[in-house]
């Protein structure tokens, strides 16, 4: 009987994409196996995912005409930047200083002239603020590493008084309650010893600048503590608690709320909105969700309701007599592994299924984590499961090795394809690679098919 190939596409594929992809696969297989039938098993429209209610579950799918949430998005973006680089605001102050901001709001030049808050005789008001970082050393926390921070910055004569016991107790309670106590002193030490803090302190020549520096230092310490707790993911800290932490730290440093038009705020606010992903995700969440539904939704739908697709595949495999080579891409490979394993374990091998080829498939990974429908975690492939050639590309982050997951099973072989393409292009680049079809031809010969 004539051999045939049955191609099973992967996640996110719909009619137009399927036609182009299958035309390529059919052409390449027909050139090497001129007597074989090459068929496709298109399932995307019947068993794939779609947003049945039109996407009404997605916040932001419809435009918010009044712009509500813009301020929250900007704040989230700033904190995203701070968590990635807690010293970024201090770096702005260290490099840019306050000259531009002070000139813009009429507060005078760098020497403090015409500035009603200027402190004659103190060239760097920020030096006093840096010295007061010691006041953040809250009792009852784990030891702080190293010697005293910020050497060389003596306290100014007009420094603020030590904080009251009630506020210190609130700060200690907040740090413990949010899970930030363990890394707080290390975060404080990192900020206090940073070159950015020292240089920013030297440039803060007057009281308004010292107050902004105090706020920037407080935000840096809070961000460093949050970053140490896994960018905040491992800290039980709400946005309100984070803001209160910054307020308490700022007050202990002699600062106040962020000054309108402050240098760091002006620069970092714009930068955060440009370089962090959250504003982009918020703005495009609806479109991204709709666009991602075929790819991600197909996987989720299969995990929840995969029996229909497996039954459809079984019918297509057994519809024609003769040996069949099954080629499954991505989710198509998962469904084939599930089907062949389930049938082999319960009713015997699927008639005609002589060779399985998975390409860029996640089936080995799903089995390793115990998420493959057909196989319990750690179990071997059942008797009756066919030969399995698993093809992967190191640049394709959705491809995995099968042989190490089923050690000692001679039926399972891995083959690497080198597309030299970045992800996600690498996930679809297999079909253009001659080495893929060469290896399939070799596997067919080894299996004695045809």
Protein backbone atom coordinates (compact mmCIF):
# COMPACT_ATOMS: atom_id res chain seq x y z
CA UNK A 1 0.00 0.00 0.00
CA UNK A 2 1.13 3.54 -0.74
CA UNK A 3 2.57 5.56 2.08
CA UNK A 4 0.96 8.83 2.97
CA UNK A 5 1.84 11.87 5.05
CA UNK A 6 -0.69 13.64 7.27
CA UNK A 7 0.30 17.17 8.26
CA UNK A 8 -1.24 18.58 11.46
CA UNK A 9 -0.67 22.32 11.88
CA UNK A 10 0.01 24.15 15.10
CA UNK A 11 -1.60 26.80 17.25
CA UNK A 12 -3.00 30.02 15.84
CA UNK A 13 -3.20 28.79 12.25
CA UNK A 14 -6.32 29.74 10.30
CA UNK A 15 -7.35 29.08 6.70
CA UNK A 16 -5.16 31.55 4.81
CA UNK A 17 -2.02 30.74 6.77
CA UNK A 18 -2.73 27.03 6.55
CA UNK A 19 -3.02 27.06 2.78
CA UNK A 20 0.35 28.78 2.34
CA UNK A 21 2.09 26.60 4.94
CA UNK A 22 0.72 23.31 3.66
CA UNK A 23 1.58 24.19 0.06
CA UNK A 24 5.22 24.51 1.12
CA UNK A 25 5.24 21.27 3.13
CA UNK A 26 3.48 19.34 0.36
CA UNK A 27 5.93 20.59 -2.28
CA UNK A 28 8.99 19.63 -0.22
CA UNK A 29 7.64 16.18 0.75
CA UNK A 30 6.43 15.37 -2.76
CA UNK A 31 9.89 16.10 -4.13
CA UNK A 32 11.41 13.43 -1.85
CA UNK A 33 8.52 10.95 -1.84
CA UNK A 34 6.98 11.15 -5.32
CA UNK A 35 4.73 8.14 -4.82
CA UNK A 36 3.31 9.18 -1.46
CA UNK A 37 0.07 11.02 -0.77
CA UNK A 38 0.50 14.24 1.20
CA UNK A 39 -2.60 15.36 3.05
CA UNK A 40 -3.41 17.99 5.61
CA UNK A 41 -5.55 17.91 8.73
CA UNK A 42 -6.83 21.47 9.05
CA UNK A 43 -8.46 21.93 12.43
CA UNK A 44 -7.95 25.60 13.30
CA UNK A 45 -11.40 26.93 12.49
CA UNK A 46 -13.34 24.00 13.91
CA UNK A 47 -11.40 23.37 17.11
CA UNK A 48 -9.47 26.63 17.52
CA UNK A 49 -10.35 29.41 19.91
CA UNK A 50 -12.33 32.57 19.20
CA UNK A 51 -13.76 35.32 21.39
CA UNK A 52 -17.39 34.25 21.43
CA UNK A 53 -18.69 37.38 23.16
CA UNK A 54 -16.68 39.80 21.06
CA UNK A 55 -14.05 40.48 23.70
CA UNK A 56 -16.28 42.07 26.32
CA UNK A 57 -14.15 40.43 29.06
CA UNK A 58 -11.10 42.57 28.18
CA UNK A 59 -10.65 45.85 30.09
CA UNK A 60 -9.58 48.53 27.65
CA UNK A 61 -10.87 46.86 24.50
CA UNK A 62 -13.13 49.85 24.06
CA UNK A 63 -11.58 53.31 24.17
CA UNK A 64 -11.94 55.20 27.44
CA UNK A 65 -12.94 58.63 26.16
CA UNK A 66 -12.23 60.53 29.35
CA UNK A 67 -8.69 59.18 29.66
CA UNK A 68 -9.28 57.75 33.12
CA UNK A 69 -6.35 55.74 34.35
CA UNK A 70 -3.68 57.73 32.51
CA UNK A 71 -2.19 58.99 35.77
CA UNK A 72 -2.18 55.49 37.22
CA UNK A 73 -0.50 54.18 34.07
CA UNK A 74 2.19 56.85 34.30
CA UNK A 75 2.81 56.05 37.97
CA UNK A 76 2.99 52.33 37.26
CA UNK A 77 5.45 53.02 34.44
CA UNK A 78 7.71 55.07 36.73
CA UNK A 79 7.77 52.34 39.34
CA UNK A 80 8.45 49.75 36.66
CA UNK A 81 11.54 51.74 35.75
CA UNK A 82 12.56 52.16 39.39
CA UNK A 83 12.22 48.44 40.09
CA UNK A 84 14.48 47.72 37.12
CA UNK A 85 16.97 50.40 38.18
CA UNK A 86 16.39 51.81 41.69
CA UNK A 87 19.08 54.47 41.17
CA UNK A 88 17.65 55.87 37.94
CA UNK A 89 16.15 59.05 39.48
CA UNK A 90 19.33 59.72 41.39
CA UNK A 91 21.27 59.23 38.17
CA UNK A 92 19.20 61.96 36.51
CA UNK A 93 19.91 64.33 39.40
CA UNK A 94 23.60 63.39 39.39
CA UNK A 95 23.98 64.02 35.66
CA UNK A 96 21.51 66.80 34.93
CA UNK A 97 21.29 68.59 38.25
CA UNK A 98 18.65 71.24 38.80
CA UNK A 99 19.85 74.16 36.72
CA UNK A 100 17.25 73.72 33.99
CA UNK A 101 14.36 73.14 36.34
CA UNK A 102 15.26 76.06 38.60
CA UNK A 103 15.69 78.41 35.69
CA UNK A 104 12.33 77.31 34.31
CA UNK A 105 10.41 78.10 37.49
CA UNK A 106 12.27 81.33 38.23
CA UNK A 107 13.99 80.13 41.34
CA UNK A 108 17.34 81.56 40.38
CA UNK A 109 20.72 80.22 39.26
CA UNK A 110 22.89 77.50 40.65
CA UNK A 111 24.35 79.70 43.38
CA UNK A 112 20.92 80.20 44.98
CA UNK A 113 20.49 83.92 44.23
CA UNK A 114 16.82 85.06 44.29
CA UNK A 115 15.92 81.80 45.98
CA UNK A 116 14.00 82.49 49.22
CA UNK A 117 14.81 78.98 50.46
CA UNK A 118 18.56 79.26 49.82
CA UNK A 119 20.85 78.52 52.76
CA UNK A 120 23.82 80.94 52.62
CA UNK A 121 27.14 79.31 53.31
CA UNK A 122 25.99 75.76 52.50
CA UNK A 123 27.28 74.85 49.06
CA UNK A 124 25.66 71.40 49.05
CA UNK A 125 22.44 71.13 51.01
CA UNK A 126 22.21 67.58 49.71
CA UNK A 127 25.21 66.61 51.84
CA UNK A 128 23.05 67.00 54.92
CA UNK A 129 20.36 64.79 53.41
CA UNK A 130 22.85 62.07 52.54
CA UNK A 131 24.19 62.06 56.07
CA UNK A 132 20.67 61.64 57.41
CA UNK A 133 20.35 58.32 55.64
CA UNK A 134 21.53 56.93 58.97
CA UNK A 135 18.14 57.92 60.38
CA UNK A 136 16.54 55.27 58.18
CA UNK A 137 18.33 52.53 60.08
CA UNK A 138 15.16 51.27 61.74
CA UNK A 139 15.52 49.28 65.00
CA UNK A 140 14.42 45.68 64.92
CA UNK A 141 15.59 44.91 61.38
CA UNK A 142 18.32 42.49 60.25
CA UNK A 143 21.85 43.91 60.47
CA UNK A 144 22.93 46.38 57.85
CA UNK A 145 26.07 45.35 55.92
CA UNK A 146 29.31 47.29 56.01
CA UNK A 147 30.39 50.41 57.89
CA UNK A 148 28.39 53.61 58.17
CA UNK A 149 27.19 54.89 54.78
CA UNK A 150 28.04 58.03 52.86
CA UNK A 151 31.38 58.90 54.45
CA UNK A 152 32.53 62.46 53.92
CA UNK A 153 29.13 64.13 54.24
CA UNK A 154 28.92 65.84 57.63
CA UNK A 155 25.53 66.80 58.93
CA UNK A 156 24.57 70.43 58.43
CA UNK A 157 23.74 72.61 61.41
CA UNK A 158 20.17 73.01 60.28
CA UNK A 159 19.37 69.33 59.89
CA UNK A 160 15.89 68.16 60.93
CA UNK A 161 15.36 66.58 64.31
CA UNK A 162 15.30 62.85 64.77
CA UNK A 163 11.93 61.27 63.93
CA UNK A 164 9.40 60.57 66.66
CA UNK A 165 8.97 57.15 68.13
CA UNK A 166 5.45 56.76 66.70
CA UNK A 167 6.61 57.34 63.13
CA UNK A 168 9.59 55.02 63.61
CA UNK A 169 7.27 52.34 64.92
CA UNK A 170 4.99 52.77 61.89
CA UNK A 171 7.95 52.44 59.54
CA UNK A 172 9.21 49.28 61.25
CA UNK A 173 5.70 47.82 61.29
CA UNK A 174 5.21 48.65 57.61
CA UNK A 175 8.50 47.03 56.60
CA UNK A 176 7.72 43.86 58.51
CA UNK A 177 4.11 43.75 57.33
CA UNK A 178 5.05 44.05 53.66
CA UNK A 179 7.89 41.54 53.74
CA UNK A 180 10.51 44.20 53.00
CA UNK A 181 12.26 44.18 56.36
CA UNK A 182 14.76 41.48 55.43
CA UNK A 183 16.26 43.38 52.52
CA UNK A 184 15.71 46.93 53.75
CA UNK A 185 19.10 47.62 55.27
CA UNK A 186 20.92 46.17 52.26
CA UNK A 187 18.80 48.38 50.03
CA UNK A 188 19.60 51.38 52.21
CA UNK A 189 23.29 50.59 52.06
CA UNK A 190 23.21 50.23 48.26
CA UNK A 191 21.62 53.64 47.83
CA UNK A 192 23.71 55.37 50.48
CA UNK A 193 26.97 54.15 49.01
CA UNK A 194 26.08 54.82 45.40
CA UNK A 195 28.07 57.25 43.32
CA UNK A 196 24.77 58.60 42.01
CA UNK A 197 23.65 59.64 45.51
CA UNK A 198 26.98 61.32 46.26
CA UNK A 199 27.03 63.28 43.02
CA UNK A 200 23.39 64.29 43.33
CA UNK A 201 24.08 65.45 46.88
CA UNK A 202 26.92 67.67 45.69
CA UNK A 203 24.67 69.32 43.13
CA UNK A 204 21.84 70.03 45.59
CA UNK A 205 22.90 73.54 46.59
CA UNK A 206 19.64 74.83 48.11
CA UNK A 207 16.65 73.70 50.16
CA UNK A 208 14.18 72.93 47.33
CA UNK A 209 16.84 70.76 45.74
CA UNK A 210 17.59 69.02 49.02
CA UNK A 211 13.89 68.26 49.44
CA UNK A 212 13.69 66.72 45.99
CA UNK A 213 16.85 64.76 46.68
CA UNK A 214 15.27 63.42 49.87
CA UNK A 215 12.27 62.18 47.90
CA UNK A 216 14.47 60.62 45.21
CA UNK A 217 16.54 58.86 47.88
CA UNK A 218 13.41 57.56 49.60
CA UNK A 219 12.02 56.22 46.33
CA UNK A 220 15.37 54.63 45.52
CA UNK A 221 15.54 52.86 48.89
CA UNK A 222 11.93 51.64 48.56
CA UNK A 223 12.52 50.47 45.00
CA UNK A 224 15.73 48.66 45.95
CA UNK A 225 13.93 46.88 48.79
CA UNK A 226 11.09 45.89 46.45
CA UNK A 227 13.52 44.77 43.76
CA UNK A 228 15.33 42.59 46.30
CA UNK A 229 11.98 40.93 46.96
CA UNK A 230 11.69 39.79 43.34
CA UNK A 231 10.69 43.16 41.80
CA UNK A 232 7.92 43.28 44.36
CA UNK A 233 6.39 39.97 43.31
CA UNK A 234 7.52 38.27 46.53
CA UNK A 235 6.56 41.21 48.73
CA UNK A 236 3.09 41.57 50.15
CA UNK A 237 3.11 45.29 49.43
CA UNK A 238 0.24 47.23 47.91
CA UNK A 239 0.70 50.46 45.98
CA UNK A 240 -0.76 52.38 48.92
CA UNK A 241 1.72 50.75 51.32
CA UNK A 242 4.57 51.47 48.91
CA UNK A 243 3.54 55.13 48.73
CA UNK A 244 3.28 55.34 52.51
CA UNK A 245 6.73 53.80 52.83
CA UNK A 246 8.12 56.52 50.55
CA UNK A 247 6.33 59.21 52.59
CA UNK A 248 7.79 57.95 55.86
CA UNK A 249 11.31 57.65 54.42
CA UNK A 250 11.07 61.10 52.82
CA UNK A 251 9.94 62.66 56.08
CA UNK A 252 12.85 61.09 57.95
CA UNK A 253 15.20 62.63 55.38
CA UNK A 254 13.72 66.08 55.80
CA UNK A 255 11.87 66.15 52.50
CA UNK A 256 8.25 66.52 51.50
CA UNK A 257 6.04 65.69 48.53
CA UNK A 258 7.60 65.76 45.11
CA UNK A 259 8.14 69.31 43.92
CA UNK A 260 6.00 70.23 40.87
CA UNK A 261 8.26 70.43 37.84
CA UNK A 262 11.06 68.61 39.66
CA UNK A 263 13.96 67.60 37.48
CA UNK A 264 13.87 63.86 38.09
CA UNK A 265 10.08 63.69 37.78
CA UNK A 266 10.11 65.55 34.48
CA UNK A 267 12.77 63.33 32.93
CA UNK A 268 11.83 59.96 34.44
CA UNK A 269 8.10 60.38 33.84
CA UNK A 270 8.57 60.79 30.11
CA UNK A 271 11.23 58.09 29.92
CA UNK A 272 9.15 55.57 31.85
CA UNK A 273 6.20 55.98 29.52
CA UNK A 274 8.48 55.36 26.56
CA UNK A 275 10.64 52.46 27.66
CA UNK A 276 8.50 50.39 30.03
CA UNK A 277 6.05 47.88 28.69
CA UNK A 278 3.11 48.60 30.99
CA UNK A 279 1.78 51.73 29.21
CA UNK A 280 2.04 49.95 25.88
CA UNK A 281 0.30 46.89 27.26
CA UNK A 282 -2.47 49.00 28.79
CA UNK A 283 -3.01 50.96 25.60
CA UNK A 284 -3.00 47.88 23.39
CA UNK A 285 -4.45 45.27 25.72
CA UNK A 286 -7.64 44.85 23.73
CA UNK A 287 -5.88 44.53 20.40
CA UNK A 288 -3.20 42.30 21.88
CA UNK A 289 -5.77 39.98 23.43
CA UNK A 290 -7.79 39.71 20.25
CA UNK A 291 -4.62 39.18 18.22
CA UNK A 292 -3.21 36.60 20.63
CA UNK A 293 -6.44 34.62 21.00
CA UNK A 294 -5.83 32.25 18.06
CA UNK A 295 -2.34 31.31 19.27
CA UNK A 296 -2.74 31.31 23.05
CA UNK A 297 -6.43 30.53 23.00
CA UNK A 298 -5.96 27.38 20.92
CA UNK A 299 -3.62 25.97 23.56
CA UNK A 300 -5.94 26.80 26.44
CA UNK A 301 -8.96 25.46 24.58
CA UNK A 302 -7.15 22.22 23.78
CA UNK A 303 -6.09 21.71 27.40
CA UNK A 304 -9.71 22.13 28.50
CA UNK A 305 -11.53 20.46 25.59
CA UNK A 306 -9.02 18.46 23.59
CA UNK A 307 -11.08 15.31 23.15
CA UNK A 308 -12.85 16.69 20.08
CA UNK A 309 -9.61 17.45 18.26
CA UNK A 310 -8.14 14.06 19.16
CA UNK A 311 -11.24 12.30 17.83
CA UNK A 312 -11.01 14.35 14.63
CA UNK A 313 -7.35 13.37 14.19
CA UNK A 314 -8.15 9.70 14.83
CA UNK A 315 -10.77 9.75 12.12
CA UNK A 316 -8.40 11.35 9.60
CA UNK A 317 -5.59 8.89 10.38
CA UNK A 318 -7.79 5.83 9.99
CA UNK A 319 -9.76 7.14 7.00
CA UNK A 320 -7.31 5.66 4.48
CA UNK A 321 -5.47 2.33 4.51
CA UNK A 322 -1.72 2.06 4.45
CA UNK A 323 1.16 3.30 6.57
CA UNK A 324 0.89 6.94 7.64
CA UNK A 325 3.62 9.35 8.71
CA UNK A 326 2.17 11.92 11.08
CA UNK A 327 3.81 15.35 11.10
CA UNK A 328 2.65 17.63 13.90
CA UNK A 329 3.78 21.22 14.41
CA UNK A 330 3.62 22.81 17.88
CA UNK A 331 0.15 22.13 19.33
CA UNK A 332 -0.47 19.67 16.50
CA UNK A 333 2.39 17.60 17.89
CA UNK A 334 0.93 17.75 21.40
CA UNK A 335 -2.44 16.50 20.19
CA UNK A 336 -0.82 13.65 18.24
CA UNK A 337 1.29 12.52 21.20
CA UNK A 338 -1.80 12.60 23.39
CA UNK A 339 -3.88 10.64 20.88
CA UNK A 340 -1.28 7.97 20.15
CA UNK A 341 -0.46 7.48 23.84
CA UNK A 342 -4.10 7.30 24.93
CA UNK A 343 -5.01 4.82 22.19
CA UNK A 344 -1.93 2.66 22.80
CA UNK A 345 -2.66 2.52 26.53
CA UNK A 346 -6.37 1.74 26.24
CA UNK A 347 -7.31 0.24 22.90
CA UNK A 348 -4.11 -0.56 21.09
CA UNK A 349 -2.10 1.31 18.45
CA UNK A 350 -3.88 3.65 16.05
CA UNK A 351 -4.15 1.70 12.79
CA UNK A 352 -1.73 2.95 10.15
CA UNK A 353 0.25 5.32 12.40
CA UNK A 354 3.77 4.09 11.74
CA UNK A 355 5.90 7.19 12.42
CA UNK A 356 5.34 10.37 14.41
CA UNK A 357 7.30 13.51 13.59
CA UNK A 358 6.84 16.43 15.97
CA UNK A 359 8.28 19.78 14.94
CA UNK A 360 8.73 22.65 17.41
CA UNK A 361 6.54 20.82 19.90
CA UNK A 362 5.94 21.37 23.59
CA UNK A 363 4.81 17.79 24.27
CA UNK A 364 8.05 16.76 26.06
CA UNK A 365 7.89 19.82 28.33
CA UNK A 366 4.24 19.24 29.16
CA UNK A 367 5.00 15.64 30.10
CA UNK A 368 7.93 16.71 32.27
CA UNK A 369 5.73 19.08 34.30
CA UNK A 370 2.84 16.61 34.45
CA UNK A 371 0.54 18.54 32.10
CA UNK A 372 0.32 16.11 29.17
CA UNK A 373 -3.20 14.67 29.02
CA UNK A 374 -2.29 11.14 27.99
CA UNK A 375 0.67 10.35 30.23
CA UNK A 376 0.92 10.55 34.03
CA UNK A 377 4.00 12.45 35.27
CA UNK A 378 7.15 10.36 34.97
CA UNK A 379 5.50 7.53 33.06
CA UNK A 380 7.01 5.84 30.00
CA UNK A 381 5.46 5.73 26.57
CA UNK A 382 3.05 2.80 26.35
CA UNK A 383 3.60 -0.30 24.26
CA UNK A 384 2.23 0.32 20.78
CA UNK A 385 3.35 3.94 20.60
CA UNK A 386 5.08 4.40 17.19
CA UNK A 387 8.59 5.61 16.41
CA UNK A 388 8.93 9.27 17.31
CA UNK A 389 11.24 11.78 15.64
CA UNK A 390 11.21 15.07 17.56
CA UNK A 391 12.66 18.09 15.74
CA UNK A 392 13.76 21.21 17.61
CA UNK A 393 15.67 24.46 17.11
CA UNK A 394 17.62 26.00 19.98
CA UNK A 395 16.41 29.44 18.90
CA UNK A 396 12.78 28.31 19.11
CA UNK A 397 11.80 28.71 22.75
CA UNK A 398 8.66 26.63 22.11
CA UNK A 399 10.61 23.52 21.10
CA UNK A 400 11.84 20.89 23.53
CA UNK A 401 13.87 17.67 23.71
CA UNK A 402 11.97 14.39 23.91
CA UNK A 403 14.69 11.72 24.25
CA UNK A 404 15.91 12.86 27.74
CA UNK A 405 12.31 12.87 28.97
CA UNK A 406 11.90 9.23 27.91
CA UNK A 407 15.40 7.88 28.69
CA UNK A 408 16.34 4.56 27.19
CA UNK A 409 13.35 4.42 24.83
CA UNK A 410 14.78 3.52 21.39
CA UNK A 411 11.62 4.75 19.68
CA UNK A 412 12.34 8.38 20.58
CA UNK A 413 14.94 10.44 18.69
CA UNK A 414 15.68 14.17 18.74
CA UNK A 415 16.99 16.09 15.75
CA UNK A 416 18.23 19.67 15.81
CA UNK A 417 17.47 22.11 12.99
CA UNK A 418 19.54 25.29 12.83
CA UNK A 419 17.48 28.01 11.19
CA UNK A 420 19.62 30.95 12.42
CA UNK A 421 16.36 32.82 12.92
CA UNK A 422 15.34 34.61 16.13
CA UNK A 423 12.16 33.74 17.98
CA UNK A 424 9.30 33.83 17.02
CA UNK A 425 10.39 33.44 13.37
CA UNK A 426 12.34 30.32 14.40
CA UNK A 427 9.09 28.61 15.44
CA UNK A 428 7.90 28.56 11.83
CA UNK A 429 11.28 28.42 10.04
CA UNK A 430 11.53 24.61 10.08
CA UNK A 431 9.56 24.15 6.89
CA UNK A 432 12.12 26.03 4.80
CA UNK A 433 15.04 23.91 6.03
CA UNK A 434 16.24 21.09 3.73
CA UNK A 435 17.73 19.30 6.74
CA UNK A 436 14.22 18.75 8.14
CA UNK A 437 13.09 16.79 5.09
CA UNK A 438 16.41 14.94 4.90
CA UNK A 439 15.92 13.75 8.46
CA UNK A 440 12.30 12.76 7.78
CA UNK A 441 13.48 10.76 4.78
CA UNK A 442 16.04 8.99 6.98
CA UNK A 443 13.42 8.25 9.65
CA UNK A 444 11.05 6.80 7.04
CA UNK A 445 13.81 4.50 5.82
CA UNK A 446 14.69 3.43 9.39
CA UNK A 447 11.04 2.61 10.04
CA UNK A 448 10.86 0.51 6.87
CA UNK A 449 7.89 2.42 5.51
CA UNK A 450 7.05 2.71 1.85
